[in-house]
Amino acid sequence: MNLAYREAVGDMAAKPLPGSLRVNPRLSQWLRILPEGRVDVSSGKVEIGQGILTALAQIVAEELDVSLHRVRMVQASTAHSPDEAVTSGSLSVQESGTALRHACAEARAIYLRKAAFALDVPVDNLTVEDGEIVAGWGLRTSYWKLADDKLLDCEATGTVAPKASSAHSVVGTAVPRRDLADKVFGRACFIHDLELPNMLHARMLRPPSPGAALASLDQTVVRAIPGFVQLVQDGSFIGVLAETETAARRAVARLAGAAEWSEQANLPDEHDMAAWLKAQPAETTIVDQRNAATAKAGAEARTVKATYSRPYIAHASLAPSCALAHFDGTVLSVWTHSQGIYNLRKDLAMAFGMAAENVVVAHVQGAGCYGHNGADDVAFDAARLARESGGRPVRVQWSRADELAWSPVGAAMAIDLEADLDAEGTIIGWRHDVWSNGHTLRPGRAKTPALLGGWHLAKPFEPLVSIDPPMAGGGGSQRNSVPLYDFLSWKVTAHRVLSMPIRTSALRSLGAQANVFAIESFMDELAADASIDPVEFRLRYLADARARAVVEKAAERAGWGDWKASEGRGHGIGFARYKGTGAYCAIVAEVEVDVEVRVRRLVIAVDAGLVINPDGLANQIEGGAVQAASWTLKEAVRFDRTRITSDAWETYPILRASETPAVEVHIVSHPDCPAVGAGEASQGPATAAIANALHDALGVRVRDLPLTADRIRAAMA
């Protein structure tokens, strides 16, 4: 491939570096070309089941013109990886992938210049085939022969353009995910499988409720347990160290019976969360407005109103959180499935009064991650106990009850919508108010550590209240609250609730799921009010050609126009563009309703711009839609006035494999558009489509999630 077409010196040099190169400009942070014929790649983004390491390897192979098998993705660690903050918000391809595209394009140009000098030929005469650099006269060398770390020990300039999409041969092809084989065949690959020499096992004794204080603890009850090593108590932070996992579990169970706590009934009424949210102190901001005058046009104009809500939602990861730590007296090493290894390092250093360079945090895959679960908290537990273990490594695994009762949860939300309609039923005004706790409380973003165990110490760090990212970063409770529809006017207002009886933080899609559920349910209600087909009604207000395309594609593939109505069966549609800047996604759901709602089919159209791995994209969209079906039909954190009561699968049911719908994903390709986030794009549209299909089946509107049999009966009464 001719270098001249890839180099674009001029305007590019004056622009900011793309993606994560902005803050990690050194090429050697990203790449090493090794003499043995391999390319080692470091990314600050981590594998959490989304297939990102496969997609990034495809980008590297494409830009360097090497075979995919030569690319090795190195486990992320603060010891060597670029700092890319948190793997979240469906930004990995957008930020890390863009950085690697440009870093590899520049690395290729550097090696070609080196080869041209070594072969004494013009650089324009060189081509690359699987790392072999060939000149027009039969002369050749290779990346591997020229391999020299010094060549990439420089900062990116941004003056070398990546390949045009028309030249791609690896990007855009379906490649099997690299992480799946180990998982399918049960090989050791999760942090739960990690063992260190001379390792101790530990379990935590948690307070029974968020407001509990330890009154007394009989420590003697664990001393006779075979394998018991040590009990660590610091205020209400209580951990047991043992030689085996079994001994640690037995010790904690015995300690639990020997502990007395004082508790407070300070949780809200779970059955009236919308009213509770609206009654709390809140930080109110106008998110967005257009022609925000609220006066109705004409005497015949009227206003339609509706309120929607969702409960607190748990992460419900397949395996509870786990971490390992080792402290040698100077350096604290932590192995974790955290999404933000640098952020976690910052808070661990702060918590223990250490220099950040003396804390090393390495990522190991966990079994299920949908946002800010207990991974950071259990890392603090392991680190705190390792400082008491006499130099032995410590492994901490939470129990299922710990995970469901103590991990941060997705925030409960209440949404009021109003639409002003003219005499013909056209929407001329739109108002959206959302009440919710903040949607992020991740480590590394505050003046004190945002780690659960730090709040239980004898000298505790101050508990924090969750915040919302700004809209420029995708927003939190306000995410996807600004309509993509072309209404004449709108006003969107967010009320961040400042009382936080239950800890909330990032759960997949943040506020987008509830906001899209509300908007798209309301659109169906307005379509019915105007006696217009729901698909046609949406298209009337969509000028964005890419938005129209996914709505039309989903409807076409689902056979929307040919649907045959029958008793207890319904279909519905939901649409959104994730964050207003990410992937476009439209979903048609087909349901059957008997005693409960059963989702039979989900037909999905998605446009994510340049697609790196079509199979990976479809996998993410499908997984998000199935998870959304579980949220929509079943999931809600349960609690009384004192404590969370849904601390087991029996009390926190999720969608079973036997209840999973058939899913079809259709990709609307736009390879010349930038790659955008898609991993969380299907949550909101799937929820709305199911709710709208329920209404189509029964003729009743349920506006509060989940769509349980009790709520359906109440709506029909």
Foldseek 3Di string as FASTA:
>chain_A
DFQVVFFAAPPQLVDQQFFPCNPVFQLLLAWFQALVQAIEGAALFACAPLLLVVLLLLLLCFQLQADSVRYDYDFYKPVRHDAPFFNDDLCCCVHVVSNSQQSSNVLNVLVLVVVCVVVVHDSRQWDDHNQWIAGPVGDIDGCSRVGDSVSRRDGRSSRTHGDFLVPGDQFPAADDRPPVVCVVVVHPFFPVSDDDPQEKEKEWQAPFFPAKFWDDWDLVQLPPQPFWDDWDDFGRTIMTIGRDPVSNVVSSVRRVVRTDIDFDLAADDQVPVQVVLVPFAWDKDWQDKFPADPDADDPQKDKDKDKFKEFWFAQPFVFFFKKKWFDPPQAIEIEWQGRGQLLLLVQLCQLVVHDSVRYMYTYTHHRGDFFQFQGSQNRSSQRVVNVVPNGHMYMYGYDLLCRQFPTATFKIKMKMKMFIAHPLLATAEIEIEMGIAAAAQQGNPDPHGQHVSQQRGNPHDDHDTHHWDRLVSQTALCHQLDDQFAHNIYIYMYIHGRDPSGGHYHGFLHNLQLNQLVVLLVLLVSCVVNVHPSLVSRVVGHPPPQLNVFSVVQCVVVVVVVDDADAQKFKFKTWDAGSNPAKTKMWIWIWGDDLFIATAEIEMEIEQERGRHVVSLVVLLLVLLQQLLFFQAFAHFDDGSIGTDQSDCVSGPGDDPVRGYHYHYHYDYHHSGRGGRRNRRNNNGSNNGSQRGSCRNPVFHQRYPRPYSVSVVVRVD
